[in-house]
Amino acid sequence: MKKGIHPENYRMVAFKDMSNEDVFLTRSTANTKDTLEVDGVEYPLIKLEISRTSHPFYTGKSKLVDTAGRIDKFKTKYAKFKK
């Protein structure tokens, strides 16, 4: 392993899943200006759109995508360009 290539500024950071408001703490070097108070202690905050608590692979719940509706929308949108 090369010396001096790994960051030294690890600290506790709060990660918040914005889809279900779940918060978990872990060590990170990620920079952020946001903060969040957890159990009376203020931590830097990283906002996530999806995490292990909301991802369909981990939760076992999948979203139903209406592909037929999407195709119909596409056809009607671009019907005016059809010759």
PDB file of N, CA and C in Angstrom:
ATOM      1  N   MET A   1       0.836  -1.181   0.000  1.00  0.00           N
ATOM      2  CA  MET A   1       0.000   0.000   0.000  1.00  0.00           C
ATOM      3  C   MET A   1       0.883   1.248   0.000  1.00  0.00           C
ATOM      4  N   LYS A   2       0.478   2.236  -0.796  1.00  0.00           N
ATOM      5  CA  LYS A   2       1.205   3.496  -0.821  1.00  0.00           C
ATOM      6  C   LYS A   2       0.907   4.283   0.440  1.00  0.00           C
ATOM      7  N   LYS A   3       1.909   4.949   0.939  1.00  0.00           N
ATOM      8  CA  LYS A   3       1.746   5.767   2.135  1.00  0.00           C
ATOM      9  C   LYS A   3       1.317   7.179   1.735  1.00  0.00           C
ATOM     10  N   GLY A   4       0.483   7.790   2.552  1.00  0.00           N
ATOM     11  CA  GLY A   4       0.098   9.172   2.349  1.00  0.00           C
ATOM     12  C   GLY A   4      -1.037   9.402   1.353  1.00  0.00           C
ATOM     13  N   ILE A   5      -1.702   8.349   0.876  1.00  0.00           N
ATOM     14  CA  ILE A   5      -2.788   8.553  -0.088  1.00  0.00           C
ATOM     15  C   ILE A   5      -4.170   8.462   0.553  1.00  0.00           C
ATOM     16  N   HIS A   6      -4.240   8.004   1.784  1.00  0.00           N
ATOM     17  CA  HIS A   6      -5.527   7.869   2.463  1.00  0.00           C
ATOM     18  C   HIS A   6      -5.805   9.091   3.322  1.00  0.00           C
ATOM     19  N   PRO A   7      -7.056   9.552   3.356  1.00  0.00           N
ATOM     20  CA  PRO A   7      -7.383  10.744   4.157  1.00  0.00           C
ATOM     21  C   PRO A   7      -7.235  10.476   5.647  1.00  0.00           C
ATOM     22  N   GLU A   8      -6.932  11.532   6.375  1.00  0.00           N
ATOM     23  CA  GLU A   8      -6.729  11.428   7.822  1.00  0.00           C
ATOM     24  C   GLU A   8      -7.874  12.043   8.618  1.00  0.00           C
ATOM     25  N   ASN A   9      -8.767  12.786   7.967  1.00  0.00           N
ATOM     26  CA  ASN A   9      -9.776  13.569   8.681  1.00  0.00           C
ATOM     27  C   ASN A   9     -11.120  12.839   8.816  1.00  0.00           C
ATOM     28  N   TYR A  10     -11.103  11.575   9.206  1.00  0.00           N
ATOM     29  CA  TYR A  10     -12.357  10.857   9.447  1.00  0.00           C
ATOM     30  C   TYR A  10     -13.026  11.410  10.696  1.00  0.00           C
ATOM     31  N   ARG A  11     -14.353  11.561  10.629  1.00  0.00           N
ATOM     32  CA  ARG A  11     -15.132  12.021  11.775  1.00  0.00           C
ATOM     33  C   ARG A  11     -16.522  11.402  11.681  1.00  0.00           C
ATOM     34  N   MET A  12     -17.272  11.458  12.771  1.00  0.00           N
ATOM     35  CA  MET A  12     -18.636  10.938  12.762  1.00  0.00           C
ATOM     36  C   MET A  12     -19.526  11.881  11.968  1.00  0.00           C
ATOM     37  N   VAL A  13     -20.323  11.302  11.064  1.00  0.00           N
ATOM     38  CA  VAL A  13     -21.205  12.064  10.190  1.00  0.00           C
ATOM     39  C   VAL A  13     -22.584  11.409  10.220  1.00  0.00           C
ATOM     40  N   ALA A  14     -23.633  12.212  10.228  1.00  0.00           N
ATOM     41  CA  ALA A  14     -25.011  11.712  10.158  1.00  0.00           C
ATOM     42  C   ALA A  14     -25.433  11.665   8.695  1.00  0.00           C
ATOM     43  N   PHE A  15     -25.938  10.519   8.271  1.00  0.00           N
ATOM     44  CA  PHE A  15     -26.493  10.347   6.936  1.00  0.00           C
ATOM     45  C   PHE A  15     -28.000  10.223   7.079  1.00  0.00           C
ATOM     46  N   LYS A  16     -28.752  11.028   6.324  1.00  0.00           N
ATOM     47  CA  LYS A  16     -30.206  11.031   6.435  1.00  0.00           C
ATOM     48  C   LYS A  16     -30.827  10.660   5.095  1.00  0.00           C
ATOM     49  N   ASP A  17     -31.637   9.604   5.108  1.00  0.00           N
ATOM     50  CA  ASP A  17     -32.388   9.185   3.927  1.00  0.00           C
ATOM     51  C   ASP A  17     -33.598  10.088   3.829  1.00  0.00           C
ATOM     52  N   MET A  18     -33.667  10.906   2.777  1.00  0.00           N
ATOM     53  CA  MET A  18     -34.732  11.889   2.652  1.00  0.00           C
ATOM     54  C   MET A  18     -36.073  11.266   2.264  1.00  0.00           C
ATOM     55  N   SER A  19     -36.069  10.030   1.765  1.00  0.00           N
ATOM     56  CA  SER A  19     -37.325   9.405   1.372  1.00  0.00           C
ATOM     57  C   SER A  19     -38.099   8.839   2.560  1.00  0.00           C
ATOM     58  N   ASN A  20     -37.390   8.453   3.636  1.00  0.00           N
ATOM     59  CA  ASN A  20     -38.104   7.903   4.792  1.00  0.00           C
ATOM     60  C   ASN A  20     -37.614   8.472   6.126  1.00  0.00           C
ATOM     61  N   GLU A  21     -36.779   9.522   6.069  1.00  0.00           N
ATOM     62  CA  GLU A  21     -36.311  10.234   7.261  1.00  0.00           C
ATOM     63  C   GLU A  21     -35.438   9.390   8.191  1.00  0.00           C
ATOM     64  N   ASP A  22     -34.916   8.254   7.740  1.00  0.00           N
ATOM     65  CA  ASP A  22     -34.036   7.422   8.564  1.00  0.00           C
ATOM     66  C   ASP A  22     -32.668   8.092   8.678  1.00  0.00           C
ATOM     67  N   VAL A  23     -32.082   8.079   9.879  1.00  0.00           N
ATOM     68  CA  VAL A  23     -30.772   8.682  10.122  1.00  0.00           C
ATOM     69  C   VAL A  23     -29.858   7.619  10.696  1.00  0.00           C
ATOM     70  N   PHE A  24     -28.616   7.554  10.165  1.00  0.00           N
ATOM     71  CA  PHE A  24     -27.622   6.668  10.749  1.00  0.00           C
ATOM     72  C   PHE A  24     -26.287   7.387  10.797  1.00  0.00           C
ATOM     73  N   LEU A  25     -25.473   7.011  11.774  1.00  0.00           N
ATOM     74  CA  LEU A  25     -24.173   7.632  11.985  1.00  0.00           C
ATOM     75  C   LEU A  25     -23.070   6.684  11.538  1.00  0.00           C
ATOM     76  N   THR A  26     -22.065   7.251  10.899  1.00  0.00           N
ATOM     77  CA  THR A  26     -20.884   6.487  10.523  1.00  0.00           C
ATOM     78  C   THR A  26     -19.735   7.459  10.326  1.00  0.00           C
ATOM     79  N   ARG A  27     -18.541   6.922  10.204  1.00  0.00           N
ATOM     80  CA  ARG A  27     -17.383   7.778   9.989  1.00  0.00           C
ATOM     81  C   ARG A  27     -17.234   8.094   8.511  1.00  0.00           C
ATOM     82  N   SER A  28     -16.853   9.342   8.213  1.00  0.00           N
ATOM     83  CA  SER A  28     -16.712   9.761   6.827  1.00  0.00           C
ATOM     84  C   SER A  28     -15.791  10.970   6.741  1.00  0.00           C
ATOM     85  N   THR A  29     -15.283  11.216   5.538  1.00  0.00           N
ATOM     86  CA  THR A  29     -14.495  12.413   5.270  1.00  0.00           C
ATOM     87  C   THR A  29     -15.259  13.385   4.377  1.00  0.00           C
ATOM     88  N   ALA A  30     -16.502  13.063   4.048  1.00  0.00           N
ATOM     89  CA  ALA A  30     -17.308  13.890   3.151  1.00  0.00           C
ATOM     90  C   ALA A  30     -17.517  15.285   3.741  1.00  0.00           C
ATOM     91  N   ASN A  31     -17.409  16.304   2.894  1.00  0.00           N
ATOM     92  CA  ASN A  31     -17.596  17.690   3.328  1.00  0.00           C
ATOM     93  C   ASN A  31     -19.059  18.094   3.185  1.00  0.00           C
ATOM     94  N   THR A  32     -19.553  18.854   4.150  1.00  0.00           N
ATOM     95  CA  THR A  32     -20.914  19.368   4.105  1.00  0.00           C
ATOM     96  C   THR A  32     -21.026  20.586   5.001  1.00  0.00           C
ATOM     97  N   LYS A  33     -21.992  21.433   4.686  1.00  0.00           N
ATOM     98  CA  LYS A  33     -22.254  22.617   5.513  1.00  0.00           C
ATOM     99  C   LYS A  33     -23.441  22.399   6.428  1.00  0.00           C
ATOM    100  N   ASP A  34     -24.263  21.375   6.145  1.00  0.00           N
ATOM    101  CA  ASP A  34     -25.449  21.086   6.943  1.00  0.00           C
ATOM    102  C   ASP A  34     -25.069  20.337   8.211  1.00  0.00           C
ATOM    103  N   THR A  35     -25.871  20.529   9.259  1.00  0.00           N
ATOM    104  CA  THR A  35     -25.661  19.793  10.506  1.00  0.00           C
ATOM    105  C   THR A  35     -27.001  19.246  10.991  1.00  0.00           C
ATOM    106  N   LEU A  36     -26.913  18.236  11.853  1.00  0.00           N
ATOM    107  CA  LEU A  36     -28.098  17.619  12.431  1.00  0.00           C
ATOM    108  C   LEU A  36     -27.775  17.200  13.855  1.00  0.00           C
ATOM    109  N   GLU A  37     -28.706  17.437  14.764  1.00  0.00           N
ATOM    110  CA  GLU A  37     -28.515  17.045  16.151  1.00  0.00           C
ATOM    111  C   GLU A  37     -29.121  15.661  16.380  1.00  0.00           C
ATOM    112  N   VAL A  38     -28.297  14.734  16.857  1.00  0.00           N
ATOM    113  CA  VAL A  38     -28.730  13.371  17.157  1.00  0.00           C
ATOM    114  C   VAL A  38     -28.344  13.070  18.599  1.00  0.00           C
ATOM    115  N   ASP A  39     -29.333  12.782  19.435  1.00  0.00           N
ATOM    116  CA  ASP A  39     -29.126  12.479  20.859  1.00  0.00           C
ATOM    117  C   ASP A  39     -28.329  13.571  21.568  1.00  0.00           C
ATOM    118  N   GLY A  40     -28.627  14.824  21.245  1.00  0.00           N
ATOM    119  CA  GLY A  40     -27.986  15.943  21.917  1.00  0.00           C
ATOM    120  C   GLY A  40     -26.614  16.310  21.391  1.00  0.00           C
ATOM    121  N   VAL A  41     -26.120  15.615  20.375  1.00  0.00           N
ATOM    122  CA  VAL A  41     -24.810  15.902  19.791  1.00  0.00           C
ATOM    123  C   VAL A  41     -25.023  16.347  18.342  1.00  0.00           C
ATOM    124  N   GLU A  42     -24.337  17.413  17.946  1.00  0.00           N
ATOM    125  CA  GLU A  42     -24.476  17.937  16.590  1.00  0.00           C
ATOM    126  C   GLU A  42     -23.434  17.307  15.669  1.00  0.00           C
ATOM    127  N   TYR A  43     -23.902  16.777  14.534  1.00  0.00           N
ATOM    128  CA  TYR A  43     -23.033  16.106  13.564  1.00  0.00           C
ATOM    129  C   TYR A  43     -23.176  16.777  12.196  1.00  0.00           C
ATOM    130  N   PRO A  44     -22.141  16.704  11.360  1.00  0.00           N
ATOM    131  CA  PRO A  44     -22.303  17.114   9.964  1.00  0.00           C
ATOM    132  C   PRO A  44     -23.344  16.207   9.310  1.00  0.00           C
ATOM    133  N   LEU A  45     -24.129  16.740   8.366  1.00  0.00           N
ATOM    134  CA  LEU A  45     -25.232  15.994   7.767  1.00  0.00           C
ATOM    135  C   LEU A  45     -25.015  15.803   6.273  1.00  0.00           C
ATOM    136  N   ILE A  46     -25.148  14.555   5.812  1.00  0.00           N
ATOM    137  CA  ILE A  46     -25.140  14.217   4.398  1.00  0.00           C
ATOM    138  C   ILE A  46     -26.541  13.706   4.073  1.00  0.00           C
ATOM    139  N   LYS A  47     -27.193  14.324   3.077  1.00  0.00           N
ATOM    140  CA  LYS A  47     -28.549  13.921   2.689  1.00  0.00           C
ATOM    141  C   LYS A  47     -28.477  12.913   1.547  1.00  0.00           C
ATOM    142  N   LEU A  48     -29.221  11.812   1.692  1.00  0.00           N
ATOM    143  CA  LEU A  48     -29.269  10.755   0.692  1.00  0.00           C
ATOM    144  C   LEU A  48     -30.664  10.658   0.105  1.00  0.00           C
ATOM    145  N   GLU A  49     -30.750  10.306  -1.165  1.00  0.00           N
ATOM    146  CA  GLU A  49     -32.059  10.076  -1.770  1.00  0.00           C
ATOM    147  C   GLU A  49     -32.535   8.653  -1.519  1.00  0.00           C
ATOM    148  N   ILE A  50     -31.605   7.729  -1.370  1.00  0.00           N
ATOM    149  CA  ILE A  50     -31.953   6.325  -1.148  1.00  0.00           C
ATOM    150  C   ILE A  50     -30.857   5.684  -0.306  1.00  0.00           C
ATOM    151  N   SER A  51     -31.243   4.788   0.581  1.00  0.00           N
ATOM    152  CA  SER A  51     -30.277   4.085   1.426  1.00  0.00           C
ATOM    153  C   SER A  51     -30.744   2.649   1.622  1.00  0.00           C
ATOM    154  N   ARG A  52     -30.091   1.940   2.498  1.00  0.00           N
ATOM    155  CA  ARG A  52     -30.442   0.539   2.750  1.00  0.00           C
ATOM    156  C   ARG A  52     -31.845   0.389   3.334  1.00  0.00           C
ATOM    157  N   THR A  53     -32.368   1.439   3.942  1.00  0.00           N
ATOM    158  CA  THR A  53     -33.703   1.349   4.542  1.00  0.00           C
ATOM    159  C   THR A  53     -34.819   1.667   3.557  1.00  0.00           C
ATOM    160  N   SER A  54     -34.478   2.168   2.364  1.00  0.00           N
ATOM    161  CA  SER A  54     -35.522   2.490   1.398  1.00  0.00           C
ATOM    162  C   SER A  54     -35.298   1.844   0.030  1.00  0.00           C
ATOM    163  N   HIS A  55     -34.159   1.212  -0.187  1.00  0.00           N
ATOM    164  CA  HIS A  55     -33.876   0.602  -1.491  1.00  0.00           C
ATOM    165  C   HIS A  55     -34.690  -0.683  -1.652  1.00  0.00           C
ATOM    166  N   PRO A  56     -35.356  -0.867  -2.794  1.00  0.00           N
ATOM    167  CA  PRO A  56     -36.204  -2.052  -2.990  1.00  0.00           C
ATOM    168  C   PRO A  56     -35.465  -3.378  -2.836  1.00  0.00           C
ATOM    169  N   PHE A  57     -34.185  -3.437  -3.154  1.00  0.00           N
ATOM    170  CA  PHE A  57     -33.427  -4.679  -3.015  1.00  0.00           C
ATOM    171  C   PHE A  57     -33.366  -5.127  -1.562  1.00  0.00           C
ATOM    172  N   TYR A  58     -33.175  -4.177  -0.644  1.00  0.00           N
ATOM    173  CA  TYR A  58     -33.053  -4.506   0.774  1.00  0.00           C
ATOM    174  C   TYR A  58     -34.400  -4.608   1.479  1.00  0.00           C
ATOM    175  N   THR A  59     -35.387  -3.850   1.024  1.00  0.00           N
ATOM    176  CA  THR A  59     -36.680  -3.849   1.703  1.00  0.00           C
ATOM    177  C   THR A  59     -37.606  -4.954   1.204  1.00  0.00           C
ATOM    178  N   GLY A  60     -37.364  -5.454  -0.013  1.00  0.00           N
ATOM    179  CA  GLY A  60     -38.224  -6.486  -0.585  1.00  0.00           C
ATOM    180  C   GLY A  60     -39.476  -5.911  -1.214  1.00  0.00           C
ATOM    181  N   LYS A  61     -39.617  -4.607  -1.211  1.00  0.00           N
ATOM    182  CA  LYS A  61     -40.778  -3.951  -1.812  1.00  0.00           C
ATOM    183  C   LYS A  61     -40.332  -3.324  -3.125  1.00  0.00           C
ATOM    184  N   SER A  62     -41.088  -3.573  -4.170  1.00  0.00           N
ATOM    185  CA  SER A  62     -40.731  -2.971  -5.447  1.00  0.00           C
ATOM    186  C   SER A  62     -41.841  -2.051  -5.910  1.00  0.00           C
ATOM    187  N   LYS A  63     -41.471  -1.059  -6.687  1.00  0.00           N
ATOM    188  CA  LYS A  63     -42.450  -0.121  -7.232  1.00  0.00           C
ATOM    189  C   LYS A  63     -42.965  -0.676  -8.548  1.00  0.00           C
ATOM    190  N   LEU A  64     -44.243  -0.534  -8.769  1.00  0.00           N
ATOM    191  CA  LEU A  64     -44.855  -0.951 -10.019  1.00  0.00           C
ATOM    192  C   LEU A  64     -44.752   0.205 -11.002  1.00  0.00           C
ATOM    193  N   VAL A  65     -44.081  -0.050 -12.114  1.00  0.00           N
ATOM    194  CA  VAL A  65     -43.912   0.979 -13.132  1.00  0.00           C
ATOM    195  C   VAL A  65     -44.923   0.731 -14.232  1.00  0.00           C
ATOM    196  N   ASP A  66     -45.678   1.740 -14.547  1.00  0.00           N
ATOM    197  CA  ASP A  66     -46.714   1.642 -15.571  1.00  0.00           C
ATOM    198  C   ASP A  66     -46.069   1.863 -16.937  1.00  0.00           C
ATOM    199  N   THR A  67     -45.532   0.797 -17.531  1.00  0.00           N
ATOM    200  CA  THR A  67     -44.840   0.933 -18.813  1.00  0.00           C
ATOM    201  C   THR A  67     -45.813   1.215 -19.945  1.00  0.00           C
ATOM    202  N   ALA A  68     -47.002   0.651 -19.887  1.00  0.00           N
ATOM    203  CA  ALA A  68     -47.986   0.899 -20.948  1.00  0.00           C
ATOM    204  C   ALA A  68     -48.358   2.373 -20.966  1.00  0.00           C
ATOM    205  N   GLY A  69     -48.548   2.965 -19.822  1.00  0.00           N
ATOM    206  CA  GLY A  69     -48.875   4.380 -19.742  1.00  0.00           C
ATOM    207  C   GLY A  69     -47.750   5.255 -20.256  1.00  0.00           C
ATOM    208  N   ARG A  70     -46.520   4.856 -20.006  1.00  0.00           N
ATOM    209  CA  ARG A  70     -45.370   5.620 -20.470  1.00  0.00           C
ATOM    210  C   ARG A  70     -45.272   5.582 -21.989  1.00  0.00           C
ATOM    211  N   ILE A  71     -45.562   4.433 -22.574  1.00  0.00           N
ATOM    212  CA  ILE A  71     -45.506   4.301 -24.031  1.00  0.00           C
ATOM    213  C   ILE A  71     -46.588   5.146 -24.682  1.00  0.00           C
ATOM    214  N   ASP A  72     -47.786   5.111 -24.124  1.00  0.00           N
ATOM    215  CA  ASP A  72     -48.888   5.919 -24.663  1.00  0.00           C
ATOM    216  C   ASP A  72     -48.567   7.410 -24.589  1.00  0.00           C
ATOM    217  N   LYS A  73     -47.985   7.843 -23.482  1.00  0.00           N
ATOM    218  CA  LYS A  73     -47.604   9.241 -23.329  1.00  0.00           C
ATOM    219  C   LYS A  73     -46.571   9.630 -24.392  1.00  0.00           C
ATOM    220  N   PHE A  74     -45.610   8.750 -24.621  1.00  0.00           N
ATOM    221  CA  PHE A  74     -44.588   9.014 -25.631  1.00  0.00           C
ATOM    222  C   PHE A  74     -45.211   9.145 -27.023  1.00  0.00           C
ATOM    223  N   LYS A  75     -46.088   8.210 -27.359  1.00  0.00           N
ATOM    224  CA  LYS A  75     -46.718   8.226 -28.687  1.00  0.00           C
ATOM    225  C   LYS A  75     -47.547   9.485 -28.903  1.00  0.00           C
ATOM    226  N   THR A  76     -48.304   9.892 -27.898  1.00  0.00           N
ATOM    227  CA  THR A  76     -49.124  11.096 -28.061  1.00  0.00           C
ATOM    228  C   THR A  76     -48.260  12.353 -28.117  1.00  0.00           C
ATOM    229  N   LYS A  77     -47.183  12.369 -27.393  1.00  0.00           N
ATOM    230  CA  LYS A  77     -46.293  13.528 -27.375  1.00  0.00           C
ATOM    231  C   LYS A  77     -45.636  13.741 -28.729  1.00  0.00           C
ATOM    232  N   TYR A  78     -45.200  12.634 -29.364  1.00  0.00           N
ATOM    233  CA  TYR A  78     -44.472  12.753 -30.621  1.00  0.00           C
ATOM    234  C   TYR A  78     -45.319  12.414 -31.862  1.00  0.00           C
ATOM    235  N   ALA A  79     -46.621  12.325 -31.708  1.00  0.00           N
ATOM    236  CA  ALA A  79     -47.509  12.040 -32.843  1.00  0.00           C
ATOM    237  C   ALA A  79     -47.502  13.203 -33.838  1.00  0.00           C
ATOM    238  N   LYS A  80     -47.292  14.414 -33.367  1.00  0.00           N
ATOM    239  CA  LYS A  80     -47.308  15.562 -34.264  1.00  0.00           C
ATOM    240  C   LYS A  80     -46.127  15.581 -35.229  1.00  0.00           C
ATOM    241  N   PHE A  81     -45.046  14.860 -34.922  1.00  0.00           N
ATOM    242  CA  PHE A  81     -43.891  14.797 -35.804  1.00  0.00           C
ATOM    243  C   PHE A  81     -43.995  13.683 -36.843  1.00  0.00           C
ATOM    244  N   LYS A  82     -44.989  12.830 -36.681  1.00  0.00           N
ATOM    245  CA  LYS A  82     -45.175  11.696 -37.591  1.00  0.00           C
ATOM    246  C   LYS A  82     -45.682  12.197 -38.944  1.00  0.00           C
ATOM    247  N   LYS A  83     -45.113  11.684 -40.012  1.00  0.00           N
ATOM    248  CA  LYS A  83     -45.521  12.113 -41.369  1.00  0.00           C
ATOM    249  C   LYS A  83     -46.420  11.128 -42.020  1.00  0.00           C
TER     250      LYS A  83
END
